PDB file of N, CA and C in Angstrom:
ATOM      1  N   MET A   1     -10.796  14.577 -46.676  1.00  0.00           N
ATOM      2  CA  MET A   1     -11.624  15.175 -47.704  1.00  0.00           C
ATOM      3  C   MET A   1     -12.485  16.295 -47.132  1.00  0.00           C
ATOM      4  N   ASP A   2     -12.900  16.138 -45.894  1.00  0.00           N
ATOM      5  CA  ASP A   2     -13.728  17.178 -45.289  1.00  0.00           C
ATOM      6  C   ASP A   2     -12.962  18.497 -45.175  1.00  0.00           C
ATOM      7  N   ARG A   3     -11.691  18.416 -44.830  1.00  0.00           N
ATOM      8  CA  ARG A   3     -10.876  19.637 -44.725  1.00  0.00           C
ATOM      9  C   ARG A   3     -10.708  20.300 -46.082  1.00  0.00           C
ATOM     10  N   TYR A   4     -10.492  19.508 -47.122  1.00  0.00           N
ATOM     11  CA  TYR A   4     -10.384  20.080 -48.469  1.00  0.00           C
ATOM     12  C   TYR A   4     -11.695  20.780 -48.842  1.00  0.00           C
ATOM     13  N   LYS A   5     -12.794  20.104 -48.617  1.00  0.00           N
ATOM     14  CA  LYS A   5     -14.102  20.674 -48.957  1.00  0.00           C
ATOM     15  C   LYS A   5     -14.379  21.950 -48.173  1.00  0.00           C
ATOM     16  N   ALA A   6     -13.995  21.961 -46.893  1.00  0.00           N
ATOM     17  CA  ALA A   6     -14.212  23.144 -46.063  1.00  0.00           C
ATOM     18  C   ALA A   6     -13.451  24.356 -46.604  1.00  0.00           C
ATOM     19  N   LEU A   7     -12.351  24.099 -47.284  1.00  0.00           N
ATOM     20  CA  LEU A   7     -11.559  25.175 -47.880  1.00  0.00           C
ATOM     21  C   LEU A   7     -11.969  25.456 -49.319  1.00  0.00           C
ATOM     22  N   GLY A   8     -13.037  24.802 -49.772  1.00  0.00           N
ATOM     23  CA  GLY A   8     -13.554  25.043 -51.113  1.00  0.00           C
ATOM     24  C   GLY A   8     -12.816  24.299 -52.203  1.00  0.00           C
ATOM     25  N   ALA A   9     -12.053  23.286 -51.837  1.00  0.00           N
ATOM     26  CA  ALA A   9     -11.246  22.556 -52.817  1.00  0.00           C
ATOM     27  C   ALA A   9     -11.954  21.297 -53.307  1.00  0.00           C
ATOM     28  N   THR A  10     -11.640  20.925 -54.522  1.00  0.00           N
ATOM     29  CA  THR A  10     -12.090  19.677 -55.115  1.00  0.00           C
ATOM     30  C   THR A  10     -10.856  18.830 -55.376  1.00  0.00           C
ATOM     31  N   VAL A  11     -10.904  17.570 -55.026  1.00  0.00           N
ATOM     32  CA  VAL A  11      -9.783  16.662 -55.246  1.00  0.00           C
ATOM     33  C   VAL A  11     -10.131  15.739 -56.401  1.00  0.00           C
ATOM     34  N   ILE A  12      -9.229  15.669 -57.369  1.00  0.00           N
ATOM     35  CA  ILE A  12      -9.392  14.771 -58.510  1.00  0.00           C
ATOM     36  C   ILE A  12      -8.065  14.057 -58.727  1.00  0.00           C
ATOM     37  N   GLY A  13      -8.102  12.751 -58.767  1.00  0.00           N
ATOM     38  CA  GLY A  13      -6.918  11.963 -59.090  1.00  0.00           C
ATOM     39  C   GLY A  13      -6.900  11.687 -60.580  1.00  0.00           C
ATOM     40  N   VAL A  14      -5.710  11.632 -61.152  1.00  0.00           N
ATOM     41  CA  VAL A  14      -5.564  11.324 -62.575  1.00  0.00           C
ATOM     42  C   VAL A  14      -4.487  10.252 -62.707  1.00  0.00           C
ATOM     43  N   SER A  15      -4.765   9.256 -63.512  1.00  0.00           N
ATOM     44  CA  SER A  15      -3.826   8.160 -63.714  1.00  0.00           C
ATOM     45  C   SER A  15      -3.850   7.714 -65.169  1.00  0.00           C
ATOM     46  N   GLY A  16      -2.750   7.170 -65.611  1.00  0.00           N
ATOM     47  CA  GLY A  16      -2.657   6.628 -66.961  1.00  0.00           C
ATOM     48  C   GLY A  16      -3.277   5.244 -67.091  1.00  0.00           C
ATOM     49  N   ASP A  17      -3.763   4.699 -66.001  1.00  0.00           N
ATOM     50  CA  ASP A  17      -4.399   3.381 -66.033  1.00  0.00           C
ATOM     51  C   ASP A  17      -5.750   3.446 -66.726  1.00  0.00           C
ATOM     52  N   ASP A  18      -6.219   2.281 -67.175  1.00  0.00           N
ATOM     53  CA  ASP A  18      -7.525   2.235 -67.827  1.00  0.00           C
ATOM     54  C   ASP A  18      -8.635   2.364 -66.786  1.00  0.00           C
ATOM     55  N   ILE A  19      -9.831   2.632 -67.258  1.00  0.00           N
ATOM     56  CA  ILE A  19     -10.958   2.922 -66.371  1.00  0.00           C
ATOM     57  C   ILE A  19     -11.318   1.736 -65.480  1.00  0.00           C
ATOM     58  N   GLU A  20     -11.184   0.508 -65.966  1.00  0.00           N
ATOM     59  CA  GLU A  20     -11.496  -0.660 -65.148  1.00  0.00           C
ATOM     60  C   GLU A  20     -10.561  -0.734 -63.942  1.00  0.00           C
ATOM     61  N   THR A  21      -9.262  -0.511 -64.182  1.00  0.00           N
ATOM     62  CA  THR A  21      -8.274  -0.526 -63.101  1.00  0.00           C
ATOM     63  C   THR A  21      -8.577   0.584 -62.106  1.00  0.00           C
ATOM     64  N   LEU A  22      -8.901   1.763 -62.622  1.00  0.00           N
ATOM     65  CA  LEU A  22      -9.162   2.899 -61.741  1.00  0.00           C
ATOM     66  C   LEU A  22     -10.444   2.749 -60.951  1.00  0.00           C
ATOM     67  N   ASN A  23     -11.438   2.115 -61.518  1.00  0.00           N
ATOM     68  CA  ASN A  23     -12.674   1.874 -60.760  1.00  0.00           C
ATOM     69  C   ASN A  23     -12.368   1.043 -59.519  1.00  0.00           C
ATOM     70  N   LYS A  24     -11.533   0.020 -59.659  1.00  0.00           N
ATOM     71  CA  LYS A  24     -11.139  -0.811 -58.517  1.00  0.00           C
ATOM     72  C   LYS A  24     -10.284  -0.001 -57.539  1.00  0.00           C
ATOM     73  N   PHE A  25      -9.305   0.740 -58.071  1.00  0.00           N
ATOM     74  CA  PHE A  25      -8.406   1.537 -57.242  1.00  0.00           C
ATOM     75  C   PHE A  25      -9.180   2.601 -56.462  1.00  0.00           C
ATOM     76  N   SER A  26     -10.112   3.255 -57.115  1.00  0.00           N
ATOM     77  CA  SER A  26     -10.884   4.320 -56.486  1.00  0.00           C
ATOM     78  C   SER A  26     -11.651   3.799 -55.275  1.00  0.00           C
ATOM     79  N   VAL A  27     -12.174   2.608 -55.380  1.00  0.00           N
ATOM     80  CA  VAL A  27     -12.927   2.030 -54.271  1.00  0.00           C
ATOM     81  C   VAL A  27     -11.978   1.492 -53.199  1.00  0.00           C
ATOM     82  N   SER A  28     -10.949   0.743 -53.583  1.00  0.00           N
ATOM     83  CA  SER A  28     -10.093   0.083 -52.594  1.00  0.00           C
ATOM     84  C   SER A  28      -9.113   1.040 -51.925  1.00  0.00           C
ATOM     85  N   GLU A  29      -8.478   1.910 -52.684  1.00  0.00           N
ATOM     86  CA  GLU A  29      -7.441   2.780 -52.129  1.00  0.00           C
ATOM     87  C   GLU A  29      -7.961   4.165 -51.733  1.00  0.00           C
ATOM     88  N   CYS A  30      -8.852   4.707 -52.523  1.00  0.00           N
ATOM     89  CA  CYS A  30      -9.368   6.066 -52.263  1.00  0.00           C
ATOM     90  C   CYS A  30     -10.684   6.031 -51.516  1.00  0.00           C
ATOM     91  N   ARG A  31     -11.215   4.841 -51.304  1.00  0.00           N
ATOM     92  CA  ARG A  31     -12.469   4.638 -50.612  1.00  0.00           C
ATOM     93  C   ARG A  31     -13.617   5.472 -51.175  1.00  0.00           C
ATOM     94  N   SER A  32     -13.549   5.677 -52.488  1.00  0.00           N
ATOM     95  CA  SER A  32     -14.580   6.418 -53.230  1.00  0.00           C
ATOM     96  C   SER A  32     -14.795   7.840 -52.704  1.00  0.00           C
ATOM     97  N   LYS A  33     -13.770   8.421 -52.093  1.00  0.00           N
ATOM     98  CA  LYS A  33     -13.915   9.761 -51.513  1.00  0.00           C
ATOM     99  C   LYS A  33     -13.655  10.866 -52.525  1.00  0.00           C
ATOM    100  N   PHE A  34     -12.994  10.545 -53.642  1.00  0.00           N
ATOM    101  CA  PHE A  34     -12.776  11.548 -54.681  1.00  0.00           C
ATOM    102  C   PHE A  34     -12.694  10.867 -56.036  1.00  0.00           C
ATOM    103  N   ALA A  35     -12.957  11.655 -57.050  1.00  0.00           N
ATOM    104  CA  ALA A  35     -12.954  11.128 -58.417  1.00  0.00           C
ATOM    105  C   ALA A  35     -11.533  10.801 -58.863  1.00  0.00           C
ATOM    106  N   VAL A  36     -11.423   9.735 -59.642  1.00  0.00           N
ATOM    107  CA  VAL A  36     -10.146   9.365 -60.247  1.00  0.00           C
ATOM    108  C   VAL A  36     -10.389   9.219 -61.744  1.00  0.00           C
ATOM    109  N   ALA A  37      -9.692  10.024 -62.532  1.00  0.00           N
ATOM    110  CA  ALA A  37      -9.886  10.047 -63.984  1.00  0.00           C
ATOM    111  C   ALA A  37      -8.831   9.211 -64.694  1.00  0.00           C
ATOM    112  N   ALA A  38      -9.261   8.502 -65.731  1.00  0.00           N
ATOM    113  CA  ALA A  38      -8.341   7.724 -66.565  1.00  0.00           C
ATOM    114  C   ALA A  38      -7.782   8.619 -67.665  1.00  0.00           C
ATOM    115  N   ASP A  39      -6.472   8.717 -67.710  1.00  0.00           N
ATOM    116  CA  ASP A  39      -5.772   9.511 -68.727  1.00  0.00           C
ATOM    117  C   ASP A  39      -4.968   8.557 -69.611  1.00  0.00           C
ATOM    118  N   VAL A  40      -5.682   7.633 -70.232  1.00  0.00           N
ATOM    119  CA  VAL A  40      -5.039   6.562 -70.987  1.00  0.00           C
ATOM    120  C   VAL A  40      -4.166   7.116 -72.122  1.00  0.00           C
ATOM    121  N   ASP A  41      -4.613   8.181 -72.775  1.00  0.00           N
ATOM    122  CA  ASP A  41      -3.815   8.760 -73.862  1.00  0.00           C
ATOM    123  C   ASP A  41      -2.748   9.731 -73.339  1.00  0.00           C
ATOM    124  N   LYS A  42      -2.713   9.917 -72.021  1.00  0.00           N
ATOM    125  CA  LYS A  42      -1.696  10.712 -71.320  1.00  0.00           C
ATOM    126  C   LYS A  42      -1.677  12.190 -71.691  1.00  0.00           C
ATOM    127  N   LYS A  43      -2.781  12.710 -72.196  1.00  0.00           N
ATOM    128  CA  LYS A  43      -2.847  14.133 -72.545  1.00  0.00           C
ATOM    129  C   LYS A  43      -2.735  15.022 -71.315  1.00  0.00           C
ATOM    130  N   ILE A  44      -3.430  14.677 -70.249  1.00  0.00           N
ATOM    131  CA  ILE A  44      -3.369  15.478 -69.026  1.00  0.00           C
ATOM    132  C   ILE A  44      -1.968  15.384 -68.422  1.00  0.00           C
ATOM    133  N   MET A  45      -1.464  14.172 -68.354  1.00  0.00           N
ATOM    134  CA  MET A  45      -0.131  13.933 -67.807  1.00  0.00           C
ATOM    135  C   MET A  45       0.921  14.783 -68.537  1.00  0.00           C
ATOM    136  N   LYS A  46       0.842  14.801 -69.841  1.00  0.00           N
ATOM    137  CA  LYS A  46       1.800  15.582 -70.643  1.00  0.00           C
ATOM    138  C   LYS A  46       1.584  17.076 -70.466  1.00  0.00           C
ATOM    139  N   ALA A  47       0.332  17.503 -70.398  1.00  0.00           N
ATOM    140  CA  ALA A  47       0.038  18.932 -70.243  1.00  0.00           C
ATOM    141  C   ALA A  47       0.598  19.482 -68.939  1.00  0.00           C
ATOM    142  N   TYR A  48       0.628  18.653 -67.904  1.00  0.00           N
ATOM    143  CA  TYR A  48       1.150  19.082 -66.605  1.00  0.00           C
ATOM    144  C   TYR A  48       2.583  18.617 -66.377  1.00  0.00           C
ATOM    145  N   ASP A  49       3.210  18.073 -67.407  1.00  0.00           N
ATOM    146  CA  ASP A  49       4.587  17.596 -67.332  1.00  0.00           C
ATOM    147  C   ASP A  49       4.775  16.652 -66.134  1.00  0.00           C
ATOM    148  N   ALA A  50       3.853  15.724 -65.984  1.00  0.00           N
ATOM    149  CA  ALA A  50       3.871  14.803 -64.850  1.00  0.00           C
ATOM    150  C   ALA A  50       4.397  13.429 -65.237  1.00  0.00           C
ATOM    151  N   GLN A  51       5.409  13.384 -66.059  1.00  0.00           N
ATOM    152  CA  GLN A  51       6.017  12.114 -66.420  1.00  0.00           C
ATOM    153  C   GLN A  51       7.455  12.099 -65.935  1.00  0.00           C
ATOM    154  N   PHE A  52       7.892  11.000 -65.364  1.00  0.00           N
ATOM    155  CA  PHE A  52       9.288  10.930 -64.967  1.00  0.00           C
ATOM    156  C   PHE A  52      10.081  10.032 -65.898  1.00  0.00           C
ATOM    157  N   MET A  53       9.408   9.195 -66.658  1.00  0.00           N
ATOM    158  CA  MET A  53      10.075   8.332 -67.623  1.00  0.00           C
ATOM    159  C   MET A  53       9.355   8.495 -68.955  1.00  0.00           C
ATOM    160  N   LYS A  54       9.773   9.467 -69.730  1.00  0.00           N
ATOM    161  CA  LYS A  54       9.082   9.772 -70.983  1.00  0.00           C
ATOM    162  C   LYS A  54       9.073   8.576 -71.931  1.00  0.00           C
ATOM    163  N   VAL A  55      10.093   7.735 -71.869  1.00  0.00           N
ATOM    164  CA  VAL A  55      10.163   6.577 -72.760  1.00  0.00           C
ATOM    165  C   VAL A  55       9.044   5.589 -72.457  1.00  0.00           C
ATOM    166  N   THR A  56       8.812   5.310 -71.177  1.00  0.00           N
ATOM    167  CA  THR A  56       7.783   4.339 -70.810  1.00  0.00           C
ATOM    168  C   THR A  56       6.429   4.992 -70.605  1.00  0.00           C
ATOM    169  N   GLY A  57       6.410   6.271 -70.328  1.00  0.00           N
ATOM    170  CA  GLY A  57       5.153   6.970 -70.113  1.00  0.00           C
ATOM    171  C   GLY A  57       4.610   6.861 -68.706  1.00  0.00           C
ATOM    172  N   TYR A  58       5.368   6.287 -67.781  1.00  0.00           N
ATOM    173  CA  TYR A  58       4.906   6.215 -66.396  1.00  0.00           C
ATOM    174  C   TYR A  58       4.844   7.612 -65.798  1.00  0.00           C
ATOM    175  N   ALA A  59       3.813   7.861 -65.046  1.00  0.00           N
ATOM    176  CA  ALA A  59       3.624   9.180 -64.438  1.00  0.00           C
ATOM    177  C   ALA A  59       4.356   9.281 -63.117  1.00  0.00           C
ATOM    178  N   SER A  60       4.788  10.478 -62.834  1.00  0.00           N
ATOM    179  CA  SER A  60       5.296  10.767 -61.503  1.00  0.00           C
ATOM    180  C   SER A  60       4.091  10.932 -60.592  1.00  0.00           C
ATOM    181  N   ARG A  61       4.304  10.802 -59.309  1.00  0.00           N
ATOM    182  CA  ARG A  61       3.231  11.064 -58.340  1.00  0.00           C
ATOM    183  C   ARG A  61       3.363  12.544 -57.994  1.00  0.00           C
ATOM    184  N   THR A  62       2.546  13.355 -58.632  1.00  0.00           N
ATOM    185  CA  THR A  62       2.612  14.796 -58.450  1.00  0.00           C
ATOM    186  C   THR A  62       1.249  15.306 -58.029  1.00  0.00           C
ATOM    187  N   SER A  63       1.253  16.152 -57.020  1.00  0.00           N
ATOM    188  CA  SER A  63       0.024  16.799 -56.558  1.00  0.00           C
ATOM    189  C   SER A  63       0.107  18.277 -56.880  1.00  0.00           C
ATOM    190  N   TYR A  64      -0.996  18.827 -57.350  1.00  0.00           N
ATOM    191  CA  TYR A  64      -1.072  20.243 -57.674  1.00  0.00           C
ATOM    192  C   TYR A  64      -2.205  20.873 -56.877  1.00  0.00           C
ATOM    193  N   VAL A  65      -1.986  22.112 -56.477  1.00  0.00           N
ATOM    194  CA  VAL A  65      -3.075  22.935 -55.954  1.00  0.00           C
ATOM    195  C   VAL A  65      -3.284  23.995 -57.022  1.00  0.00           C
ATOM    196  N   ILE A  66      -4.479  23.997 -57.588  1.00  0.00           N
ATOM    197  CA  ILE A  66      -4.802  24.900 -58.697  1.00  0.00           C
ATOM    198  C   ILE A  66      -5.891  25.858 -58.226  1.00  0.00           C
ATOM    199  N   THR A  67      -5.655  27.137 -58.427  1.00  0.00           N
ATOM    200  CA  THR A  67      -6.597  28.165 -57.966  1.00  0.00           C
ATOM    201  C   THR A  67      -7.812  28.239 -58.886  1.00  0.00           C
ATOM    202  N   PRO A  68      -8.875  28.892 -58.428  1.00  0.00           N
ATOM    203  CA  PRO A  68     -10.076  29.015 -59.261  1.00  0.00           C
ATOM    204  C   PRO A  68      -9.828  29.694 -60.613  1.00  0.00           C
ATOM    205  N   ASP A  69      -8.766  30.502 -60.703  1.00  0.00           N
ATOM    206  CA  ASP A  69      -8.446  31.136 -61.987  1.00  0.00           C
ATOM    207  C   ASP A  69      -7.470  30.285 -62.811  1.00  0.00           C
ATOM    208  N   HIS A  70      -7.315  29.013 -62.427  1.00  0.00           N
ATOM    209  CA  HIS A  70      -6.552  28.001 -63.168  1.00  0.00           C
ATOM    210  C   HIS A  70      -5.036  28.150 -63.069  1.00  0.00           C
ATOM    211  N   ALA A  71      -4.549  28.914 -62.122  1.00  0.00           N
ATOM    212  CA  ALA A  71      -3.101  29.039 -61.918  1.00  0.00           C
ATOM    213  C   ALA A  71      -2.632  27.915 -60.998  1.00  0.00           C
ATOM    214  N   ILE A  72      -1.460  27.364 -61.288  1.00  0.00           N
ATOM    215  CA  ILE A  72      -0.887  26.345 -60.405  1.00  0.00           C
ATOM    216  C   ILE A  72      -0.248  27.080 -59.231  1.00  0.00           C
ATOM    217  N   LEU A  73      -0.850  26.916 -58.076  1.00  0.00           N
ATOM    218  CA  LEU A  73      -0.394  27.573 -56.860  1.00  0.00           C
ATOM    219  C   LEU A  73       0.748  26.802 -56.216  1.00  0.00           C
ATOM    220  N   TYR A  74       0.672  25.472 -56.283  1.00  0.00           N
ATOM    221  CA  TYR A  74       1.637  24.633 -55.580  1.00  0.00           C
ATOM    222  C   TYR A  74       1.766  23.310 -56.326  1.00  0.00           C
ATOM    223  N   GLU A  75       2.981  22.787 -56.328  1.00  0.00           N
ATOM    224  CA  GLU A  75       3.267  21.496 -56.970  1.00  0.00           C
ATOM    225  C   GLU A  75       4.189  20.710 -56.063  1.00  0.00           C
ATOM    226  N   TYR A  76       3.881  19.440 -55.864  1.00  0.00           N
ATOM    227  CA  TYR A  76       4.704  18.578 -55.014  1.00  0.00           C
ATOM    228  C   TYR A  76       4.845  17.226 -55.694  1.00  0.00           C
ATOM    229  N   THR A  77       6.081  16.778 -55.890  1.00  0.00           N
ATOM    230  CA  THR A  77       6.348  15.497 -56.529  1.00  0.00           C
ATOM    231  C   THR A  77       7.171  14.622 -55.604  1.00  0.00           C
ATOM    232  N   ASP A  78       6.669  13.431 -55.362  1.00  0.00           N
ATOM    233  CA  ASP A  78       7.377  12.429 -54.581  1.00  0.00           C
ATOM    234  C   ASP A  78       6.643  11.115 -54.818  1.00  0.00           C
ATOM    235  N   MET A  79       7.351  10.082 -55.162  1.00  0.00           N
ATOM    236  CA  MET A  79       6.705   8.798 -55.419  1.00  0.00           C
ATOM    237  C   MET A  79       6.108   8.199 -54.143  1.00  0.00           C
ATOM    238  N   ASN A  80       6.612   8.588 -52.992  1.00  0.00           N
ATOM    239  CA  ASN A  80       6.040   8.162 -51.728  1.00  0.00           C
ATOM    240  C   ASN A  80       4.815   9.034 -51.451  1.00  0.00           C
ATOM    241  N   PRO A  81       3.645   8.443 -51.258  1.00  0.00           N
ATOM    242  CA  PRO A  81       2.424   9.236 -51.090  1.00  0.00           C
ATOM    243  C   PRO A  81       2.275   9.909 -49.722  1.00  0.00           C
ATOM    244  N   GLU A  82       3.159   9.613 -48.779  1.00  0.00           N
ATOM    245  CA  GLU A  82       2.993  10.059 -47.392  1.00  0.00           C
ATOM    246  C   GLU A  82       2.745  11.544 -47.201  1.00  0.00           C
ATOM    247  N   LYS A  83       3.484  12.408 -47.851  1.00  0.00           N
ATOM    248  CA  LYS A  83       3.434  13.851 -47.564  1.00  0.00           C
ATOM    249  C   LYS A  83       2.530  14.643 -48.506  1.00  0.00           C
ATOM    250  N   HIS A  84       1.922  13.997 -49.472  1.00  0.00           N
ATOM    251  CA  HIS A  84       1.113  14.724 -50.452  1.00  0.00           C
ATOM    252  C   HIS A  84      -0.062  15.461 -49.803  1.00  0.00           C
ATOM    253  N   VAL A  85      -0.800  14.791 -48.953  1.00  0.00           N
ATOM    254  CA  VAL A  85      -1.961  15.421 -48.319  1.00  0.00           C
ATOM    255  C   VAL A  85      -1.505  16.553 -47.406  1.00  0.00           C
ATOM    256  N   GLU A  86      -0.533  16.289 -46.572  1.00  0.00           N
ATOM    257  CA  GLU A  86      -0.032  17.302 -45.644  1.00  0.00           C
ATOM    258  C   GLU A  86       0.456  18.551 -46.385  1.00  0.00           C
ATOM    259  N   ASN A  87       1.244  18.357 -47.429  1.00  0.00           N
ATOM    260  CA  ASN A  87       1.815  19.493 -48.158  1.00  0.00           C
ATOM    261  C   ASN A  87       0.775  20.270 -48.955  1.00  0.00           C
ATOM    262  N   THR A  88      -0.123  19.565 -49.621  1.00  0.00           N
ATOM    263  CA  THR A  88      -1.136  20.282 -50.397  1.00  0.00           C
ATOM    264  C   THR A  88      -2.131  20.987 -49.467  1.00  0.00           C
ATOM    265  N   MET A  89      -2.429  20.366 -48.342  1.00  0.00           N
ATOM    266  CA  MET A  89      -3.336  20.996 -47.380  1.00  0.00           C
ATOM    267  C   MET A  89      -2.719  22.282 -46.832  1.00  0.00           C
ATOM    268  N   GLN A  90      -1.447  22.266 -46.551  1.00  0.00           N
ATOM    269  CA  GLN A  90      -0.771  23.464 -46.053  1.00  0.00           C
ATOM    270  C   GLN A  90      -0.807  24.582 -47.101  1.00  0.00           C
ATOM    271  N   ALA A  91      -0.511  24.235 -48.347  1.00  0.00           N
ATOM    272  CA  ALA A  91      -0.546  25.238 -49.426  1.00  0.00           C
ATOM    273  C   ALA A  91      -1.958  25.785 -49.605  1.00  0.00           C
ATOM    274  N   LEU A  92      -2.939  24.925 -49.552  1.00  0.00           N
ATOM    275  CA  LEU A  92      -4.329  25.340 -49.707  1.00  0.00           C
ATOM    276  C   LEU A  92      -4.766  26.238 -48.550  1.00  0.00           C
ATOM    277  N   GLN A  93      -4.391  25.863 -47.332  1.00  0.00           N
ATOM    278  CA  GLN A  93      -4.749  26.660 -46.158  1.00  0.00           C
ATOM    279  C   GLN A  93      -4.119  28.052 -46.240  1.00  0.00           C
ATOM    280  N   GLN A  94      -2.856  28.115 -46.639  1.00  0.00           N
ATOM    281  CA  GLN A  94      -2.186  29.411 -46.775  1.00  0.00           C
ATOM    282  C   GLN A  94      -2.877  30.270 -47.836  1.00  0.00           C
ATOM    283  N   TRP A  95      -3.271  29.660 -48.940  1.00  0.00           N
ATOM    284  CA  TRP A  95      -3.981  30.391 -49.987  1.00  0.00           C
ATOM    285  C   TRP A  95      -5.320  30.901 -49.453  1.00  0.00           C
ATOM    286  N   ALA A  96      -6.056  30.036 -48.759  1.00  0.00           N
ATOM    287  CA  ALA A  96      -7.366  30.413 -48.224  1.00  0.00           C
ATOM    288  C   ALA A  96      -7.220  31.555 -47.220  1.00  0.00           C
ATOM    289  N   ASP A  97      -6.184  31.508 -46.394  1.00  0.00           N
ATOM    290  CA  ASP A  97      -5.951  32.569 -45.423  1.00  0.00           C
ATOM    291  C   ASP A  97      -5.684  33.906 -46.126  1.00  0.00           C
ATOM    292  N   ARG A  98      -4.949  33.874 -47.216  1.00  0.00           N
ATOM    293  CA  ARG A  98      -4.663  35.102 -47.973  1.00  0.00           C
ATOM    294  C   ARG A  98      -5.932  35.668 -48.605  1.00  0.00           C
ATOM    295  N   GLN A  99      -6.874  34.806 -48.959  1.00  0.00           N
ATOM    296  CA  GLN A  99      -8.108  35.256 -49.594  1.00  0.00           C
ATOM    297  C   GLN A  99      -8.997  36.018 -48.603  1.00  0.00           C
ATOM    298  N   LYS A 100      -8.828  35.747 -47.321  1.00  0.00           N
ATOM    299  CA  LYS A 100      -9.642  36.380 -46.286  1.00  0.00           C
ATOM    300  C   LYS A 100      -9.214  37.830 -46.012  1.00  0.00           C
ATOM    301  N   ARG A 101      -8.017  38.172 -46.413  1.00  0.00           N
ATOM    302  CA  ARG A 101      -7.494  39.516 -46.112  1.00  0.00           C
ATOM    303  C   ARG A 101      -8.128  40.563 -46.973  1.00  0.00           C
TER     304      ARG A 101
END
């Protein structure tokens, strides 16, 4: 989280789970290091086309890097969480480097 903050980024998790479930998840899995929003009506999920099973409504595990002007700079989808931080950090660092020029 410190590296994201140093690059001026804010991390927000979004899930279709209810707020009670996310409150527990945010503390146990995210260690309260970033906000996790409940998208119970799936409006955010649908707006970002982050569903892999439209029939059931389950969300894909997708990470986005969004610029200050609201453009999607980078998108990474993989149900395995291993590479999400590495890949989004690389995209963010490259963007930040371009801003310095």
